[in-house]
Each structure stands twice: as structure tokens, then as C-alpha cells.
Protein backbone atom coordinates (compact mmCIF):
# COMPACT_ATOMS: atom_id res chain seq x y z
CA MET A 1 36.18 124.34 90.47
CA ALA A 2 39.56 122.98 91.58
CA GLU A 3 42.28 122.66 89.00
CA GLU A 4 43.25 119.05 88.25
CA GLU A 5 46.64 117.96 89.55
CA ARG A 6 49.48 117.84 87.04
CA ILE A 7 52.07 115.08 87.02
CA GLU A 8 55.22 114.25 85.11
CA PHE A 9 54.78 111.24 82.81
CA ARG A 10 57.29 110.21 80.16
CA GLY A 11 59.20 113.42 80.80
CA MET A 12 56.15 115.61 80.11
CA ARG A 13 53.92 117.61 82.44
CA MET A 14 50.28 116.63 81.98
CA LEU A 15 46.99 116.32 83.78
CA ALA A 16 46.97 113.41 86.23
CA SER A 17 44.13 111.79 84.28
CA TRP A 18 45.95 111.89 80.93
CA PRO A 19 47.96 108.62 81.23
CA ASP A 20 44.63 106.78 81.48
CA LYS A 21 43.57 108.42 78.20
CA ILE A 22 46.80 107.22 76.55
CA ARG A 23 46.15 103.66 77.80
CA ALA A 24 42.53 103.77 76.60
CA ALA A 25 43.65 104.99 73.16
CA GLN A 26 45.59 101.73 72.70
CA LEU A 27 42.29 99.85 72.72
CA GLU A 28 40.92 101.93 69.82
CA THR A 29 42.94 100.34 67.01
CA ARG A 30 40.60 100.84 64.03
CA CYS A 31 38.85 103.71 62.28
CA ARG A 32 36.60 104.10 59.21
CA PRO A 33 37.63 106.88 56.82
CA ASN A 34 35.34 106.84 53.77
CA GLY A 35 33.60 103.82 55.30
CA ILE A 36 36.75 101.67 54.96
CA ASP A 37 37.81 99.77 58.10
CA MET A 38 41.51 100.57 58.64
CA GLU A 39 44.09 100.41 61.42
CA ARG A 40 44.85 103.81 62.93
CA VAL A 41 48.30 105.30 62.27
CA ARG A 42 50.71 104.73 65.15
CA TYR A 43 53.04 107.46 66.42
CA GLY A 44 56.30 107.21 64.49
CA SER A 45 54.62 105.71 61.40
CA GLU A 46 53.64 109.10 59.95
CA PRO A 47 55.49 110.20 56.78
CA GLU A 48 56.61 113.35 58.61
CA ASP A 49 59.25 113.17 61.34
CA TRP A 50 57.45 114.18 64.54
CA GLY A 51 60.41 113.14 66.71
CA ALA A 52 59.15 109.70 67.75
CA ASP A 53 62.71 108.39 68.07
CA ARG A 54 63.57 111.21 70.48
CA MET A 55 60.47 112.01 72.52
CA PRO A 56 56.78 111.29 73.15
CA CYS A 57 54.22 112.99 70.93
CA HIS A 58 54.26 116.69 71.81
CA ASP A 59 50.46 116.88 71.68
CA CYS A 60 49.20 113.71 73.38
CA GLY A 61 52.19 111.97 75.01
CA ALA A 62 52.03 108.72 73.00
CA ILE A 63 55.39 107.01 72.54
CA LYS A 64 56.69 105.47 69.32
CA GLY A 65 54.48 102.57 68.27
CA GLU A 66 51.46 103.66 70.31
CA PHE A 67 48.21 105.05 68.97
CA HIS A 68 47.59 108.75 69.56
CA VAL A 69 44.90 109.89 71.99
CA PRO A 70 41.75 110.71 69.95
CA GLY A 71 41.79 114.38 68.99
CA CYS A 72 45.60 114.60 68.84
CA ASP A 73 46.80 117.12 66.24
CA VAL A 74 49.61 114.79 65.12
CA GLU A 75 47.43 111.77 64.27
CA ARG A 76 47.16 111.11 60.54
CA CYS A 77 44.34 109.63 58.50
CA PRO A 78 45.28 106.14 57.28
CA GLU A 79 43.35 106.71 54.03
CA CYS A 80 44.64 110.09 52.78
CA GLY A 81 47.56 110.88 55.12
CA GLY A 82 46.08 114.23 56.12
CA GLN A 83 45.62 115.46 59.67
CA LEU A 84 42.96 113.19 61.11
CA GLY A 85 40.88 115.97 62.60
CA GLY A 86 40.78 118.02 59.41
CA CYS A 87 41.19 115.76 56.40
CA GLU A 88 38.70 115.64 53.53
CA CYS A 89 37.69 112.01 54.10
CA ASP A 90 34.14 111.11 55.02
CA TRP A 91 33.89 109.97 58.64
CA PRO A 92 30.49 108.26 58.95
CA ASP A 93 30.97 107.65 62.70
CA VAL A 94 31.67 111.33 63.48
CA GLU A 95 29.00 114.02 63.73
CA ASP A 96 29.71 117.38 62.08
């Protein structure tokens, strides 16, 4: 299997297909922790300083004000503030 081409985008090296994933993530604006419909947390709105004023997200390449790509380690749960992929909230739309 051939390795996918890498490009530079927003000053980061990434797979050539990744910018499309960033664009698609902007269309997924809502989530449902604990069954509550909420807006997803945008990069730079987290309580921790992940460097949004200085650089794109180190994990997914989102820039300040954009939504993270689903699965990004930096994305926070809008209900509890924990890491989205590992918080204690109930995610009815996600299979275990």
C-alpha cells in the first residue's frame, strides 16, 4: 500500500487528506454529552492554554475559533470540561 502524500498546511506537515477533515469538522457544531444538545468547544475556548494565539492545534491542525477534528486529544467536553475522548459523561451517540 502506498503511503499517502504529506503536505504543509498552516505551517504543519500533515496527510494531504487532512485539510478536508478540518473543513468537515466545521460542519459538526453540536454534540450530546449526557443527552444534552450543546455546541462543541472551539479551539482557543478551552480553559487550558493550548497555544491557540500562537499556532494551530498540535493534534488536529484547527486554528483558533475552529472546531477540532473528531478524535482530537485537545477537544474538551462542553458539559464537564474533561478530555472529550475520555470524560465520564454519557455519550448516547457513541458505541463503547
